[in-house]
């Protein structure tokens, strides 16, 4: 078990798990009730911080899964995502509509990344 590192572990989940040179992040959400753009900005900042703590960064992303409360918000979320993602190293990505933990959340993003060499 010592080869598995867990960041910000709680009784239900860890915010990140590191194993075998890979970093898995838990689903990240923004501030409830804020706009889709603002929630996405907060989420991507959290992702940047967790990846840095895990010894990685957005240029090392392998996969992203994005859940939107409504696909009507796809363009608004993408306007923030497109400005953030490393255009030279975009991850494999999926985006779908799902009911999130509370109606105040409009976006949730989950990523997997490789650690830096």
C-alpha atoms as a PDB file:
ATOM      1  CA  UNK A   1       0.000   0.000   0.000  1.00  0.00           C
ATOM      2  CA  UNK A   2       2.936   2.369   0.457  1.00  0.00           C
ATOM      3  CA  UNK A   3       3.177   2.774  -3.319  1.00  0.00           C
ATOM      4  CA  UNK A   4      -0.247   4.450  -3.348  1.00  0.00           C
ATOM      5  CA  UNK A   5      -0.328   8.085  -2.188  1.00  0.00           C
ATOM      6  CA  UNK A   6      -3.609   9.802  -1.345  1.00  0.00           C
ATOM      7  CA  UNK A   7      -3.953  13.589  -1.177  1.00  0.00           C
ATOM      8  CA  UNK A   8      -6.542  15.315   0.994  1.00  0.00           C
ATOM      9  CA  UNK A   9      -8.042  11.997   2.063  1.00  0.00           C
ATOM     10  CA  UNK A  10     -11.310  12.025   3.969  1.00  0.00           C
ATOM     11  CA  UNK A  11     -13.615   9.294   5.229  1.00  0.00           C
ATOM     12  CA  UNK A  12     -15.418   9.012   1.874  1.00  0.00           C
ATOM     13  CA  UNK A  13     -12.796   9.865  -0.739  1.00  0.00           C
ATOM     14  CA  UNK A  14      -9.424  11.371  -1.570  1.00  0.00           C
ATOM     15  CA  UNK A  15      -9.088  14.455  -3.749  1.00  0.00           C
ATOM     16  CA  UNK A  16      -6.232  12.756  -5.607  1.00  0.00           C
ATOM     17  CA  UNK A  17      -4.670   9.301  -5.774  1.00  0.00           C
ATOM     18  CA  UNK A  18      -1.160   8.751  -7.145  1.00  0.00           C
ATOM     19  CA  UNK A  19       0.066   5.343  -8.258  1.00  0.00           C
ATOM     20  CA  UNK A  20       2.426   4.056 -10.903  1.00  0.00           C
ATOM     21  CA  UNK A  21       3.246   7.529 -12.224  1.00  0.00           C
ATOM     22  CA  UNK A  22      -0.426   8.408 -12.737  1.00  0.00           C
ATOM     23  CA  UNK A  23      -2.620  10.913 -10.911  1.00  0.00           C
ATOM     24  CA  UNK A  24      -6.379  10.435 -10.623  1.00  0.00           C
ATOM     25  CA  UNK A  25      -8.375  13.403  -9.362  1.00  0.00           C
ATOM     26  CA  UNK A  26     -11.791  13.196  -7.765  1.00  0.00           C
ATOM     27  CA  UNK A  27     -14.556  15.119  -9.469  1.00  0.00           C
ATOM     28  CA  UNK A  28     -13.970  18.817  -8.875  1.00  0.00           C
ATOM     29  CA  UNK A  29     -16.807  21.312  -8.511  1.00  0.00           C
ATOM     30  CA  UNK A  30     -16.917  25.088  -8.228  1.00  0.00           C
ATOM     31  CA  UNK A  31     -18.813  27.368  -5.903  1.00  0.00           C
ATOM     32  CA  UNK A  32     -22.497  26.410  -5.804  1.00  0.00           C
ATOM     33  CA  UNK A  33     -24.843  28.918  -7.372  1.00  0.00           C
ATOM     34  CA  UNK A  34     -22.194  30.729  -9.432  1.00  0.00           C
ATOM     35  CA  UNK A  35     -22.355  30.920 -13.237  1.00  0.00           C
ATOM     36  CA  UNK A  36     -21.127  28.046 -15.390  1.00  0.00           C
ATOM     37  CA  UNK A  37     -18.104  30.152 -16.380  1.00  0.00           C
ATOM     38  CA  UNK A  38     -17.229  30.981 -12.783  1.00  0.00           C
ATOM     39  CA  UNK A  39     -17.693  27.393 -11.598  1.00  0.00           C
ATOM     40  CA  UNK A  40     -15.484  26.157 -14.443  1.00  0.00           C
ATOM     41  CA  UNK A  41     -12.763  28.710 -13.586  1.00  0.00           C
ATOM     42  CA  UNK A  42     -12.756  27.587  -9.935  1.00  0.00           C
ATOM     43  CA  UNK A  43     -12.670  23.918 -10.944  1.00  0.00           C
ATOM     44  CA  UNK A  44      -9.713  24.407 -13.275  1.00  0.00           C
ATOM     45  CA  UNK A  45      -7.843  26.325 -10.574  1.00  0.00           C
ATOM     46  CA  UNK A  46      -8.455  23.420  -8.164  1.00  0.00           C
ATOM     47  CA  UNK A  47      -7.211  20.983 -10.818  1.00  0.00           C
ATOM     48  CA  UNK A  48      -4.056  23.066 -11.345  1.00  0.00           C
ATOM     49  CA  UNK A  49      -3.388  23.094  -7.591  1.00  0.00           C
ATOM     50  CA  UNK A  50      -4.005  19.363  -7.088  1.00  0.00           C
ATOM     51  CA  UNK A  51      -1.888  18.425 -10.085  1.00  0.00           C
ATOM     52  CA  UNK A  52       0.964  20.615  -8.800  1.00  0.00           C
ATOM     53  CA  UNK A  53       0.717  18.960  -5.378  1.00  0.00           C
ATOM     54  CA  UNK A  54       0.844  15.563  -7.114  1.00  0.00           C
ATOM     55  CA  UNK A  55       3.878  16.470  -9.226  1.00  0.00           C
ATOM     56  CA  UNK A  56       2.075  17.086 -12.502  1.00  0.00           C
ATOM     57  CA  UNK A  57       0.411  19.841 -14.525  1.00  0.00           C
ATOM     58  CA  UNK A  58      -2.207  20.339 -17.240  1.00  0.00           C
ATOM     59  CA  UNK A  59       0.314  19.573 -20.009  1.00  0.00           C
ATOM     60  CA  UNK A  60       0.402  16.009 -18.618  1.00  0.00           C
ATOM     61  CA  UNK A  61      -3.372  15.416 -18.767  1.00  0.00           C
ATOM     62  CA  UNK A  62      -4.339  12.073 -20.256  1.00  0.00           C
ATOM     63  CA  UNK A  63      -8.115  12.119 -19.882  1.00  0.00           C
ATOM     64  CA  UNK A  64     -10.875  14.499 -18.809  1.00  0.00           C
ATOM     65  CA  UNK A  65     -14.493  13.710 -18.080  1.00  0.00           C
ATOM     66  CA  UNK A  66     -16.820  16.693 -17.835  1.00  0.00           C
ATOM     67  CA  UNK A  67     -20.342  16.511 -16.452  1.00  0.00           C
ATOM     68  CA  UNK A  68     -22.738  19.381 -17.089  1.00  0.00           C
ATOM     69  CA  UNK A  69     -26.098  19.754 -15.388  1.00  0.00           C
ATOM     70  CA  UNK A  70     -27.353  20.889 -18.800  1.00  0.00           C
ATOM     71  CA  UNK A  71     -25.768  20.490 -22.228  1.00  0.00           C
ATOM     72  CA  UNK A  72     -27.171  23.979 -22.893  1.00  0.00           C
ATOM     73  CA  UNK A  73     -24.073  25.154 -20.962  1.00  0.00           C
ATOM     74  CA  UNK A  74     -21.599  23.361 -23.271  1.00  0.00           C
ATOM     75  CA  UNK A  75     -20.401  26.498 -25.111  1.00  0.00           C
ATOM     76  CA  UNK A  76     -20.084  28.546 -21.912  1.00  0.00           C
ATOM     77  CA  UNK A  77     -18.021  25.841 -20.184  1.00  0.00           C
ATOM     78  CA  UNK A  78     -15.891  25.347 -23.317  1.00  0.00           C
ATOM     79  CA  UNK A  79     -15.074  29.072 -23.479  1.00  0.00           C
ATOM     80  CA  UNK A  80     -13.234  28.669 -20.161  1.00  0.00           C
ATOM     81  CA  UNK A  81     -11.849  25.193 -20.890  1.00  0.00           C
ATOM     82  CA  UNK A  82     -10.433  26.244 -24.280  1.00  0.00           C
ATOM     83  CA  UNK A  83      -8.581  29.194 -22.719  1.00  0.00           C
ATOM     84  CA  UNK A  84      -7.124  26.897 -20.029  1.00  0.00           C
ATOM     85  CA  UNK A  85      -6.214  23.619 -21.726  1.00  0.00           C
ATOM     86  CA  UNK A  86      -2.703  23.218 -23.153  1.00  0.00           C
ATOM     87  CA  UNK A  87      -3.354  23.307 -26.917  1.00  0.00           C
ATOM     88  CA  UNK A  88      -0.163  21.336 -27.603  1.00  0.00           C
ATOM     89  CA  UNK A  89      -1.237  18.562 -25.202  1.00  0.00           C
ATOM     90  CA  UNK A  90      -5.025  18.238 -25.120  1.00  0.00           C
ATOM     91  CA  UNK A  91      -6.322  15.183 -23.246  1.00  0.00           C
ATOM     92  CA  UNK A  92      -8.795  12.608 -24.456  1.00  0.00           C
ATOM     93  CA  UNK A  93     -12.106  14.100 -23.318  1.00  0.00           C
ATOM     94  CA  UNK A  94     -15.736  13.214 -22.840  1.00  0.00           C
ATOM     95  CA  UNK A  95     -18.554  15.572 -21.892  1.00  0.00           C
ATOM     96  CA  UNK A  96     -22.083  14.636 -20.963  1.00  0.00           C
ATOM     97  CA  UNK A  97     -25.156  15.748 -19.097  1.00  0.00           C
ATOM     98  CA  UNK A  98     -25.803  14.452 -15.603  1.00  0.00           C
ATOM     99  CA  UNK A  99     -27.679  15.449 -12.503  1.00  0.00           C
ATOM    100  CA  UNK A 100     -24.968  16.654 -10.107  1.00  0.00           C
ATOM    101  CA  UNK A 101     -24.830  16.467  -6.296  1.00  0.00           C
ATOM    102  CA  UNK A 102     -27.043  19.522  -5.859  1.00  0.00           C
ATOM    103  CA  UNK A 103     -28.881  21.758  -8.334  1.00  0.00           C
ATOM    104  CA  UNK A 104     -26.462  24.584  -7.429  1.00  0.00           C
ATOM    105  CA  UNK A 105     -23.617  22.756  -9.179  1.00  0.00           C
ATOM    106  CA  UNK A 106     -23.573  23.109 -12.966  1.00  0.00           C
ATOM    107  CA  UNK A 107     -20.173  21.576 -13.825  1.00  0.00           C
ATOM    108  CA  UNK A 108     -18.008  18.742 -12.501  1.00  0.00           C
ATOM    109  CA  UNK A 109     -14.650  17.808 -14.022  1.00  0.00           C
ATOM    110  CA  UNK A 110     -12.606  14.656 -13.437  1.00  0.00           C
ATOM    111  CA  UNK A 111      -9.074  14.240 -14.819  1.00  0.00           C
ATOM    112  CA  UNK A 112      -6.298  11.685 -15.022  1.00  0.00           C
ATOM    113  CA  UNK A 113      -2.724  12.851 -15.590  1.00  0.00           C
ATOM    114  CA  UNK A 114       0.798  11.491 -15.757  1.00  0.00           C
ATOM    115  CA  UNK A 115       3.266  12.686 -13.167  1.00  0.00           C
ATOM    116  CA  UNK A 116       6.189  14.755 -14.409  1.00  0.00           C
ATOM    117  CA  UNK A 117       9.370  12.808 -15.106  1.00  0.00           C
END
